Amino acid sequence: MIDRQEGGTRLHKGSKQSGPSTPLISIVTVTFNAVELFPDTLKTIRAQDYPNVEWIVIDGGSTDGTIDILRANEDVIDFWVSEPDRGMYDALAKGFERANGEILCWLNAGDMFLFGALSTVAEVFQTHPEKNWITGMQFRHLPRCKIIDCYIPPAYSSDLIGCGAYGKSLPFIQQESTFFRRSMLDRVSMERFREFKLAGDLYLWFCFSKHDRLTLVMAGLGSFCTHAGQLSEDRESYWKEADTFLDRITFALRIKILARFPLGYFPLRYKIRMAGSAMLTWVKGKGWQ
């Protein structure tokens, strides 16, 4: 049995770096026996029109043919490795350690980017250097990239992220649409991050929210794939893990959560007006404002 295999263009051509007008965007994908789902993710990354992308795939030792797909697509995969790991977030931490981009994100097998997503992300971060993490509109799709749902959330509140309101009472922050500057990882205990089995995404948002507000970009960036057997289906275990680090929900926060419920149904113009600088929309002749 082979315990470790690796490949990718980086092994032959070296690592990519950011350019003066093209910041390097690093995508980390964690996989394990995802031969049926990985092609959808591959297809949408190939379709991106942004020229400076680094894709790192961390595989947990698949035996279903996933490795064959990785080898056959090394022209678009900068680095991949297949070896046993301690779980999804241990694998994800490995990917972040190997990433060279100044903008980071992760995309699980089966999930996808919408066309033009990475160009939009690069433009937003370049024109708004004060923004450190952003997220887009929320999309959901079935296997084979069939989009079935779209939602425009109100602007996000840091204290509600800190107490876990997004997911418990309000819609989750969609990880597939969330991007952040490398410097934000300095705010995270990666040793603790590696230990999570389910709630590592929320731990990351929790740490980020203590230092900067999440900005909502009014654009389609990523989409979550709904399929059987997902880790996200075990909600009870997820929240048991999350409650080990989340802030306590005070009476004032409960009132704030209740006030947020109707915002999801407000017309877009009201969401924009109420969000202020926590939401960016594209304005003709001006760009992202």
C-alpha atoms as a PDB file:
ATOM      1  CA  MET A   1       0.000   0.000   0.000  1.00  0.00           C
ATOM      2  CA  ILE A   2       1.316   3.471  -0.954  1.00  0.00           C
ATOM      3  CA  ASP A   3       0.798   5.876   1.962  1.00  0.00           C
ATOM      4  CA  ARG A   4       1.740   9.095   0.162  1.00  0.00           C
ATOM      5  CA  GLN A   5       1.495  10.323  -3.427  1.00  0.00           C
ATOM      6  CA  GLU A   6       1.872  13.850  -4.781  1.00  0.00           C
ATOM      7  CA  GLY A   7       1.953  15.835  -8.005  1.00  0.00           C
ATOM      8  CA  GLY A   8       1.044  19.109  -9.663  1.00  0.00           C
ATOM      9  CA  THR A   9       2.691  21.774 -11.802  1.00  0.00           C
ATOM     10  CA  ARG A  10       4.534  23.263  -8.820  1.00  0.00           C
ATOM     11  CA  LEU A  11       6.836  20.239  -8.704  1.00  0.00           C
ATOM     12  CA  HIS A  12       8.067  21.025 -12.232  1.00  0.00           C
ATOM     13  CA  LYS A  13       7.584  24.768 -12.755  1.00  0.00           C
ATOM     14  CA  GLY A  14       7.921  26.222  -9.255  1.00  0.00           C
ATOM     15  CA  SER A  15       5.461  28.271  -7.230  1.00  0.00           C
ATOM     16  CA  LYS A  16       3.291  31.124  -8.459  1.00  0.00           C
ATOM     17  CA  GLN A  17       3.442  34.603  -6.939  1.00  0.00           C
ATOM     18  CA  SER A  18       1.281  37.715  -6.913  1.00  0.00           C
ATOM     19  CA  GLY A  19       1.730  40.238  -9.723  1.00  0.00           C
ATOM     20  CA  PRO A  20       1.431  44.060  -9.489  1.00  0.00           C
ATOM     21  CA  SER A  21      -2.163  44.000 -10.732  1.00  0.00           C
ATOM     22  CA  THR A  22      -3.011  40.311 -10.260  1.00  0.00           C
ATOM     23  CA  PRO A  23      -2.902  39.147  -6.627  1.00  0.00           C
ATOM     24  CA  LEU A  24      -2.474  35.404  -6.376  1.00  0.00           C
ATOM     25  CA  ILE A  25      -5.662  33.649  -5.248  1.00  0.00           C
ATOM     26  CA  SER A  26      -5.065  30.285  -3.587  1.00  0.00           C
ATOM     27  CA  ILE A  27      -7.859  27.709  -3.570  1.00  0.00           C
ATOM     28  CA  VAL A  28      -7.597  24.721  -1.239  1.00  0.00           C
ATOM     29  CA  THR A  29      -9.753  21.673  -1.922  1.00  0.00           C
ATOM     30  CA  VAL A  30      -9.983  18.809   0.565  1.00  0.00           C
ATOM     31  CA  THR A  31     -11.118  15.451  -0.825  1.00  0.00           C
ATOM     32  CA  PHE A  32     -11.645  11.856   0.199  1.00  0.00           C
ATOM     33  CA  ASN A  33     -13.181   9.311  -2.178  1.00  0.00           C
ATOM     34  CA  ALA A  34     -14.945  12.053  -4.120  1.00  0.00           C
ATOM     35  CA  VAL A  35     -14.618  10.697  -7.645  1.00  0.00           C
ATOM     36  CA  GLU A  36     -18.287  11.430  -8.400  1.00  0.00           C
ATOM     37  CA  LEU A  37     -18.206  15.021  -7.123  1.00  0.00           C
ATOM     38  CA  PHE A  38     -14.714  16.304  -7.923  1.00  0.00           C
ATOM     39  CA  PRO A  39     -15.321  16.768 -11.689  1.00  0.00           C
ATOM     40  CA  ASP A  40     -17.928  19.493 -11.009  1.00  0.00           C
ATOM     41  CA  THR A  41     -15.412  21.473  -8.957  1.00  0.00           C
ATOM     42  CA  LEU A  42     -12.716  20.906 -11.574  1.00  0.00           C
ATOM     43  CA  LYS A  43     -14.983  22.156 -14.352  1.00  0.00           C
ATOM     44  CA  THR A  44     -15.794  25.457 -12.636  1.00  0.00           C
ATOM     45  CA  ILE A  45     -12.184  26.196 -11.728  1.00  0.00           C
ATOM     46  CA  ARG A  46     -11.111  25.568 -15.314  1.00  0.00           C
ATOM     47  CA  ALA A  47     -13.829  27.989 -16.457  1.00  0.00           C
ATOM     48  CA  GLN A  48     -12.538  30.927 -14.401  1.00  0.00           C
ATOM     49  CA  ASP A  49     -11.234  33.907 -16.390  1.00  0.00           C
ATOM     50  CA  TYR A  50      -8.783  35.160 -13.752  1.00  0.00           C
ATOM     51  CA  PRO A  51      -5.130  34.585 -14.760  1.00  0.00           C
ATOM     52  CA  ASN A  52      -3.366  34.160 -11.403  1.00  0.00           C
ATOM     53  CA  VAL A  53      -4.819  31.188  -9.536  1.00  0.00           C
ATOM     54  CA  GLU A  54      -3.134  28.541  -7.399  1.00  0.00           C
ATOM     55  CA  TRP A  55      -5.106  25.342  -6.749  1.00  0.00           C
ATOM     56  CA  ILE A  56      -4.003  22.982  -3.994  1.00  0.00           C
ATOM     57  CA  VAL A  57      -5.769  19.657  -3.454  1.00  0.00           C
ATOM     58  CA  ILE A  58      -5.311  17.715  -0.211  1.00  0.00           C
ATOM     59  CA  ASP A  59      -6.621  14.168  -0.498  1.00  0.00           C
ATOM     60  CA  GLY A  60      -7.067  11.894   2.494  1.00  0.00           C
ATOM     61  CA  GLY A  61      -5.912   8.707   0.761  1.00  0.00           C
ATOM     62  CA  SER A  62      -8.725   8.048  -1.706  1.00  0.00           C
ATOM     63  CA  THR A  63      -9.094   4.595  -3.264  1.00  0.00           C
ATOM     64  CA  ASP A  64     -12.024   5.270  -5.621  1.00  0.00           C
ATOM     65  CA  GLY A  65     -10.238   6.790  -8.623  1.00  0.00           C
ATOM     66  CA  THR A  66      -9.922  10.351  -7.333  1.00  0.00           C
ATOM     67  CA  ILE A  67      -6.132  10.102  -7.664  1.00  0.00           C
ATOM     68  CA  ASP A  68      -6.466   9.250 -11.352  1.00  0.00           C
ATOM     69  CA  ILE A  69      -8.472  12.467 -11.885  1.00  0.00           C
ATOM     70  CA  LEU A  70      -5.822  14.492 -10.059  1.00  0.00           C
ATOM     71  CA  ARG A  71      -3.027  13.037 -12.193  1.00  0.00           C
ATOM     72  CA  ALA A  72      -4.981  13.667 -15.402  1.00  0.00           C
ATOM     73  CA  ASN A  73      -5.544  17.344 -14.569  1.00  0.00           C
ATOM     74  CA  GLU A  74      -2.161  18.441 -13.269  1.00  0.00           C
ATOM     75  CA  ASP A  75      -2.119  21.264 -15.813  1.00  0.00           C
ATOM     76  CA  VAL A  76      -4.626  23.143 -13.633  1.00  0.00           C
ATOM     77  CA  ILE A  77      -3.639  21.737 -10.202  1.00  0.00           C
ATOM     78  CA  ASP A  78      -0.548  23.421  -8.779  1.00  0.00           C
ATOM     79  CA  PHE A  79      -0.012  20.901  -6.019  1.00  0.00           C
ATOM     80  CA  TRP A  80      -1.803  17.793  -4.810  1.00  0.00           C
ATOM     81  CA  VAL A  81      -0.991  15.230  -2.192  1.00  0.00           C
ATOM     82  CA  SER A  82      -2.773  12.055  -1.134  1.00  0.00           C
ATOM     83  CA  GLU A  83      -2.033  10.726   2.334  1.00  0.00           C
ATOM     84  CA  PRO A  84      -3.898   9.840   5.544  1.00  0.00           C
ATOM     85  CA  ASP A  85      -4.884  12.793   7.731  1.00  0.00           C
ATOM     86  CA  ARG A  86      -6.698  13.443  11.009  1.00  0.00           C
ATOM     87  CA  GLY A  87      -9.796  14.866   9.367  1.00  0.00           C
ATOM     88  CA  MET A  88     -11.070  17.623   7.099  1.00  0.00           C
ATOM     89  CA  TYR A  89      -9.628  20.575   9.008  1.00  0.00           C
ATOM     90  CA  ASP A  90      -6.258  18.958   9.547  1.00  0.00           C
ATOM     91  CA  ALA A  91      -6.143  18.511   5.761  1.00  0.00           C
ATOM     92  CA  LEU A  92      -7.304  22.080   5.207  1.00  0.00           C
ATOM     93  CA  ALA A  93      -4.579  23.413   7.495  1.00  0.00           C
ATOM     94  CA  LYS A  94      -2.026  21.499   5.399  1.00  0.00           C
ATOM     95  CA  GLY A  95      -3.404  23.224   2.324  1.00  0.00           C
ATOM     96  CA  PHE A  96      -3.213  26.697   3.867  1.00  0.00           C
ATOM     97  CA  GLU A  97       0.402  26.020   4.885  1.00  0.00           C
ATOM     98  CA  ARG A  98       1.291  25.226   1.260  1.00  0.00           C
ATOM     99  CA  ALA A  99      -0.599  28.190  -0.230  1.00  0.00           C
ATOM    100  CA  ASN A 100       1.326  31.194  -1.547  1.00  0.00           C
ATOM    101  CA  GLY A 101      -1.629  33.450  -2.343  1.00  0.00           C
ATOM    102  CA  GLU A 102      -2.367  36.738  -0.624  1.00  0.00           C
ATOM    103  CA  ILE A 103      -6.064  35.871  -1.004  1.00  0.00           C
ATOM    104  CA  LEU A 104      -7.254  32.483   0.260  1.00  0.00           C
ATOM    105  CA  CYS A 105     -10.396  30.352   0.114  1.00  0.00           C
ATOM    106  CA  TRP A 106     -11.415  26.713   0.128  1.00  0.00           C
ATOM    107  CA  LEU A 107     -13.790  24.758  -2.035  1.00  0.00           C
ATOM    108  CA  ASN A 108     -14.874  21.236  -1.163  1.00  0.00           C
ATOM    109  CA  ALA A 109     -15.297  18.524  -3.787  1.00  0.00           C
ATOM    110  CA  GLY A 110     -18.657  18.994  -5.484  1.00  0.00           C
ATOM    111  CA  ASP A 111     -18.918  22.692  -4.620  1.00  0.00           C
ATOM    112  CA  MET A 112     -18.271  25.245  -7.329  1.00  0.00           C
ATOM    113  CA  PHE A 113     -17.410  28.818  -8.261  1.00  0.00           C
ATOM    114  CA  LEU A 114     -19.694  30.804 -10.499  1.00  0.00           C
ATOM    115  CA  PHE A 115     -18.181  32.109 -13.742  1.00  0.00           C
ATOM    116  CA  GLY A 116     -16.070  35.233 -13.190  1.00  0.00           C
ATOM    117  CA  ALA A 117     -16.015  34.782  -9.406  1.00  0.00           C
ATOM    118  CA  LEU A 118     -12.243  35.015  -8.979  1.00  0.00           C
ATOM    119  CA  SER A 119     -11.952  38.130 -11.161  1.00  0.00           C
ATOM    120  CA  THR A 120     -14.596  39.778  -9.003  1.00  0.00           C
ATOM    121  CA  VAL A 121     -12.817  38.776  -5.795  1.00  0.00           C
ATOM    122  CA  ALA A 122      -9.475  40.143  -7.013  1.00  0.00           C
ATOM    123  CA  GLU A 123     -11.097  43.420  -8.097  1.00  0.00           C
ATOM    124  CA  VAL A 124     -12.839  43.887  -4.749  1.00  0.00           C
ATOM    125  CA  PHE A 125      -9.701  43.291  -2.701  1.00  0.00           C
ATOM    126  CA  GLN A 126      -7.618  45.561  -4.934  1.00  0.00           C
ATOM    127  CA  THR A 127     -10.066  48.464  -4.923  1.00  0.00           C
ATOM    128  CA  HIS A 128     -10.874  48.075  -1.225  1.00  0.00           C
ATOM    129  CA  PRO A 129      -7.602  47.438   0.626  1.00  0.00           C
ATOM    130  CA  GLU A 130      -9.409  48.050   3.924  1.00  0.00           C
ATOM    131  CA  LYS A 131     -11.475  44.876   3.434  1.00  0.00           C
ATOM    132  CA  ASN A 132      -9.970  41.700   4.885  1.00  0.00           C
ATOM    133  CA  TRP A 133     -12.707  39.120   4.341  1.00  0.00           C
ATOM    134  CA  ILE A 134     -15.672  39.050   2.024  1.00  0.00           C
ATOM    135  CA  THR A 135     -18.546  36.781   1.094  1.00  0.00           C
ATOM    136  CA  GLY A 136     -21.066  36.755  -1.752  1.00  0.00           C
ATOM    137  CA  MET A 137     -24.688  35.898  -2.405  1.00  0.00           C
ATOM    138  CA  GLN A 138     -25.642  32.367  -1.403  1.00  0.00           C
ATOM    139  CA  PHE A 139     -26.220  29.711  -4.057  1.00  0.00           C
ATOM    140  CA  ARG A 140     -27.067  26.023  -3.768  1.00  0.00           C
ATOM    141  CA  HIS A 141     -26.883  23.364  -6.470  1.00  0.00           C
ATOM    142  CA  LEU A 142     -27.289  19.654  -7.146  1.00  0.00           C
ATOM    143  CA  PRO A 143     -24.547  17.433  -8.622  1.00  0.00           C
ATOM    144  CA  ARG A 144     -23.763  18.258 -12.256  1.00  0.00           C
ATOM    145  CA  CYS A 145     -23.835  21.998 -11.403  1.00  0.00           C
ATOM    146  CA  LYS A 146     -27.639  22.402 -11.444  1.00  0.00           C
ATOM    147  CA  ILE A 147     -28.369  25.548  -9.428  1.00  0.00           C
ATOM    148  CA  ILE A 148     -31.596  25.250  -7.434  1.00  0.00           C
ATOM    149  CA  ASP A 149     -31.524  28.145  -4.965  1.00  0.00           C
ATOM    150  CA  CYS A 150     -30.236  31.696  -4.470  1.00  0.00           C
ATOM    151  CA  TYR A 151     -30.467  33.945  -1.405  1.00  0.00           C
ATOM    152  CA  ILE A 152     -29.302  37.499  -0.727  1.00  0.00           C
ATOM    153  CA  PRO A 153     -28.551  37.788   2.997  1.00  0.00           C
ATOM    154  CA  PRO A 154     -28.590  41.059   4.947  1.00  0.00           C
ATOM    155  CA  ALA A 155     -25.210  42.450   6.031  1.00  0.00           C
ATOM    156  CA  TYR A 156     -23.402  40.415   8.680  1.00  0.00           C
ATOM    157  CA  SER A 157     -22.873  41.422  12.308  1.00  0.00           C
ATOM    158  CA  SER A 158     -19.613  40.493  14.072  1.00  0.00           C
ATOM    159  CA  ASP A 159     -21.223  39.914  17.471  1.00  0.00           C
ATOM    160  CA  LEU A 160     -23.824  37.604  15.918  1.00  0.00           C
ATOM    161  CA  ILE A 161     -21.033  35.636  14.229  1.00  0.00           C
ATOM    162  CA  GLY A 162     -19.318  35.403  17.610  1.00  0.00           C
ATOM    163  CA  CYS A 163     -22.315  33.785  19.311  1.00  0.00           C
ATOM    164  CA  GLY A 164     -23.125  31.413  16.448  1.00  0.00           C
ATOM    165  CA  ALA A 165     -26.380  33.064  15.396  1.00  0.00           C
ATOM    166  CA  TYR A 166     -25.565  32.418  11.732  1.00  0.00           C
ATOM    167  CA  GLY A 167     -26.453  28.772  11.496  1.00  0.00           C
ATOM    168  CA  LYS A 168     -28.408  28.415  14.727  1.00  0.00           C
ATOM    169  CA  SER A 169     -31.047  31.077  14.087  1.00  0.00           C
ATOM    170  CA  LEU A 170     -30.036  32.809  10.862  1.00  0.00           C
ATOM    171  CA  PRO A 171     -28.670  31.364   7.577  1.00  0.00           C
ATOM    172  CA  PHE A 172     -25.097  30.052   7.658  1.00  0.00           C
ATOM    173  CA  ILE A 173     -22.237  32.097   6.251  1.00  0.00           C
ATOM    174  CA  GLN A 174     -21.584  30.293   2.973  1.00  0.00           C
ATOM    175  CA  GLN A 175     -18.007  29.049   3.030  1.00  0.00           C
ATOM    176  CA  GLU A 176     -17.896  28.459  -0.745  1.00  0.00           C
ATOM    177  CA  SER A 177     -18.438  32.195  -1.316  1.00  0.00           C
ATOM    178  CA  THR A 178     -16.034  33.454   1.373  1.00  0.00           C
ATOM    179  CA  PHE A 179     -12.525  34.779   0.665  1.00  0.00           C
ATOM    180  CA  PHE A 180      -9.970  36.346   2.989  1.00  0.00           C
ATOM    181  CA  ARG A 181      -6.512  37.888   3.083  1.00  0.00           C
ATOM    182  CA  ARG A 182      -3.678  35.641   4.236  1.00  0.00           C
ATOM    183  CA  SER A 183      -3.060  37.933   7.208  1.00  0.00           C
ATOM    184  CA  MET A 184      -6.394  36.864   8.729  1.00  0.00           C
ATOM    185  CA  LEU A 185      -4.953  33.414   9.492  1.00  0.00           C
ATOM    186  CA  ASP A 186      -2.609  35.102  11.976  1.00  0.00           C
ATOM    187  CA  ARG A 187      -5.720  35.560  14.127  1.00  0.00           C
ATOM    188  CA  VAL A 188      -6.395  31.814  14.251  1.00  0.00           C
ATOM    189  CA  SER A 189      -4.918  29.059  16.424  1.00  0.00           C
ATOM    190  CA  MET A 190      -4.167  26.590  13.648  1.00  0.00           C
ATOM    191  CA  GLU A 191      -3.319  23.934  16.223  1.00  0.00           C
ATOM    192  CA  ARG A 192      -6.868  24.114  17.547  1.00  0.00           C
ATOM    193  CA  PHE A 193      -8.303  24.457  14.042  1.00  0.00           C
ATOM    194  CA  ARG A 194      -6.762  21.098  13.093  1.00  0.00           C
ATOM    195  CA  GLU A 195      -8.601  19.364  15.939  1.00  0.00           C
ATOM    196  CA  PHE A 196     -12.112  20.136  14.683  1.00  0.00           C
ATOM    197  CA  LYS A 197     -14.076  17.442  12.896  1.00  0.00           C
ATOM    198  CA  LEU A 198     -17.149  19.485  11.893  1.00  0.00           C
ATOM    199  CA  ALA A 199     -17.213  23.127  13.090  1.00  0.00           C
ATOM    200  CA  GLY A 200     -13.830  24.325  11.847  1.00  0.00           C
ATOM    201  CA  ASP A 201     -15.454  26.722   9.394  1.00  0.00           C
ATOM    202  CA  LEU A 202     -17.372  28.479  12.163  1.00  0.00           C
ATOM    203  CA  TYR A 203     -14.230  28.606  14.315  1.00  0.00           C
ATOM    204  CA  LEU A 204     -12.449  30.410  11.486  1.00  0.00           C
ATOM    205  CA  TRP A 205     -15.302  32.938  11.115  1.00  0.00           C
ATOM    206  CA  PHE A 206     -15.400  33.346  14.918  1.00  0.00           C
ATOM    207  CA  CYS A 207     -11.695  34.259  15.001  1.00  0.00           C
ATOM    208  CA  PHE A 208     -11.959  36.576  11.982  1.00  0.00           C
ATOM    209  CA  SER A 209     -14.985  38.389  13.432  1.00  0.00           C
ATOM    210  CA  LYS A 210     -12.999  39.447  16.491  1.00  0.00           C
ATOM    211  CA  HIS A 211     -10.743  41.564  14.277  1.00  0.00           C
ATOM    212  CA  ASP A 212     -12.733  42.732  11.252  1.00  0.00           C
ATOM    213  CA  ARG A 213     -16.289  42.869   9.953  1.00  0.00           C
ATOM    214  CA  LEU A 214     -17.340  40.512   7.173  1.00  0.00           C
ATOM    215  CA  THR A 215     -18.272  42.417   4.004  1.00  0.00           C
ATOM    216  CA  LEU A 216     -21.083  41.167   1.785  1.00  0.00           C
ATOM    217  CA  VAL A 217     -20.401  41.546  -1.949  1.00  0.00           C
ATOM    218  CA  MET A 218     -23.513  41.616  -4.097  1.00  0.00           C
ATOM    219  CA  ALA A 219     -22.230  39.048  -6.597  1.00  0.00           C
ATOM    220  CA  GLY A 220     -22.479  35.334  -7.275  1.00  0.00           C
ATOM    221  CA  LEU A 221     -19.163  33.839  -6.173  1.00  0.00           C
ATOM    222  CA  GLY A 222     -19.672  30.253  -5.005  1.00  0.00           C
ATOM    223  CA  SER A 223     -22.294  27.555  -4.617  1.00  0.00           C
ATOM    224  CA  PHE A 224     -22.815  24.714  -2.144  1.00  0.00           C
ATOM    225  CA  CYS A 225     -23.580  21.245  -3.489  1.00  0.00           C
ATOM    226  CA  THR A 226     -26.450  19.392  -1.818  1.00  0.00           C
ATOM    227  CA  HIS A 227     -25.919  15.617  -1.828  1.00  0.00           C
ATOM    228  CA  ALA A 228     -26.308  12.607   0.440  1.00  0.00           C
ATOM    229  CA  GLY A 229     -23.786  11.747   3.145  1.00  0.00           C
ATOM    230  CA  GLN A 230     -22.498  15.245   3.892  1.00  0.00           C
ATOM    231  CA  LEU A 231     -20.745  16.043   7.180  1.00  0.00           C
ATOM    232  CA  SER A 232     -22.973  19.116   7.457  1.00  0.00           C
ATOM    233  CA  GLU A 233     -25.995  16.843   7.974  1.00  0.00           C
ATOM    234  CA  ASP A 234     -24.914  16.033  11.548  1.00  0.00           C
ATOM    235  CA  ARG A 235     -26.146  19.295  13.039  1.00  0.00           C
ATOM    236  CA  GLU A 236     -26.200  18.099  16.657  1.00  0.00           C
ATOM    237  CA  SER A 237     -22.506  17.131  16.655  1.00  0.00           C
ATOM    238  CA  TYR A 238     -21.626  20.306  14.745  1.00  0.00           C
ATOM    239  CA  TRP A 239     -23.115  22.575  17.402  1.00  0.00           C
ATOM    240  CA  LYS A 240     -21.698  20.512  20.237  1.00  0.00           C
ATOM    241  CA  GLU A 241     -18.248  21.246  18.819  1.00  0.00           C
ATOM    242  CA  ALA A 242     -19.059  24.898  18.119  1.00  0.00           C
ATOM    243  CA  ASP A 243     -20.289  25.530  21.652  1.00  0.00           C
ATOM    244  CA  THR A 244     -16.748  24.904  22.932  1.00  0.00           C
ATOM    245  CA  PHE A 245     -15.649  28.311  21.618  1.00  0.00           C
ATOM    246  CA  LEU A 246     -18.712  30.458  20.868  1.00  0.00           C
ATOM    247  CA  ASP A 247     -19.624  33.499  22.944  1.00  0.00           C
ATOM    248  CA  ARG A 248     -22.625  33.298  25.270  1.00  0.00           C
ATOM    249  CA  ILE A 249     -25.885  34.588  23.794  1.00  0.00           C
ATOM    250  CA  THR A 250     -26.970  37.488  25.979  1.00  0.00           C
ATOM    251  CA  PHE A 251     -30.472  38.943  26.215  1.00  0.00           C
ATOM    252  CA  ALA A 252     -29.374  41.896  24.050  1.00  0.00           C
ATOM    253  CA  LEU A 253     -28.081  39.502  21.378  1.00  0.00           C
ATOM    254  CA  ARG A 254     -31.339  37.558  21.433  1.00  0.00           C
ATOM    255  CA  ILE A 255     -33.220  40.784  20.713  1.00  0.00           C
ATOM    256  CA  LYS A 256     -30.781  41.568  17.902  1.00  0.00           C
ATOM    257  CA  ILE A 257     -31.271  38.111  16.396  1.00  0.00           C
ATOM    258  CA  LEU A 258     -35.053  38.494  16.488  1.00  0.00           C
ATOM    259  CA  ALA A 259     -34.742  41.868  14.766  1.00  0.00           C
ATOM    260  CA  ARG A 260     -32.736  40.249  11.981  1.00  0.00           C
ATOM    261  CA  PHE A 261     -35.355  37.667  11.022  1.00  0.00           C
ATOM    262  CA  PRO A 262     -37.518  39.955   8.844  1.00  0.00           C
ATOM    263  CA  LEU A 263     -34.480  41.556   7.136  1.00  0.00           C
ATOM    264  CA  GLY A 264     -34.096  38.508   4.908  1.00  0.00           C
ATOM    265  CA  TYR A 265     -37.430  39.359   3.290  1.00  0.00           C
ATOM    266  CA  PHE A 266     -36.792  43.076   2.826  1.00  0.00           C
ATOM    267  CA  PRO A 267     -36.375  44.485  -0.716  1.00  0.00           C
ATOM    268  CA  LEU A 268     -32.764  44.734  -1.821  1.00  0.00           C
ATOM    269  CA  ARG A 269     -32.658  48.534  -1.695  1.00  0.00           C
ATOM    270  CA  TYR A 270     -33.424  48.445   2.032  1.00  0.00           C
ATOM    271  CA  LYS A 271     -30.774  45.810   2.691  1.00  0.00           C
ATOM    272  CA  ILE A 272     -28.215  48.000   0.922  1.00  0.00           C
ATOM    273  CA  ARG A 273     -29.265  51.130   2.791  1.00  0.00           C
ATOM    274  CA  MET A 274     -29.128  49.431   6.180  1.00  0.00           C
ATOM    275  CA  ALA A 275     -25.791  47.708   5.526  1.00  0.00           C
ATOM    276  CA  GLY A 276     -23.699  50.818   4.924  1.00  0.00           C
ATOM    277  CA  SER A 277     -20.022  49.958   4.376  1.00  0.00           C
ATOM    278  CA  ALA A 278     -20.636  46.283   5.248  1.00  0.00           C
ATOM    279  CA  MET A 279     -22.074  45.650   1.765  1.00  0.00           C
ATOM    280  CA  LEU A 280     -20.571  46.367  -1.650  1.00  0.00           C
ATOM    281  CA  THR A 281     -22.601  46.708  -4.847  1.00  0.00           C
ATOM    282  CA  TRP A 282     -21.390  47.279  -8.388  1.00  0.00           C
ATOM    283  CA  VAL A 283     -22.181  50.766  -9.718  1.00  0.00           C
ATOM    284  CA  LYS A 284     -21.835  51.510 -13.426  1.00  0.00           C
ATOM    285  CA  GLY A 285     -18.839  53.749 -14.072  1.00  0.00           C
ATOM    286  CA  LYS A 286     -17.660  53.459 -10.454  1.00  0.00           C
ATOM    287  CA  GLY A 287     -17.151  49.752  -9.802  1.00  0.00           C
ATOM    288  CA  TRP A 288     -17.608  48.217  -6.349  1.00  0.00           C
ATOM    289  CA  GLN A 289     -18.983  50.800  -3.928  1.00  0.00           C
END
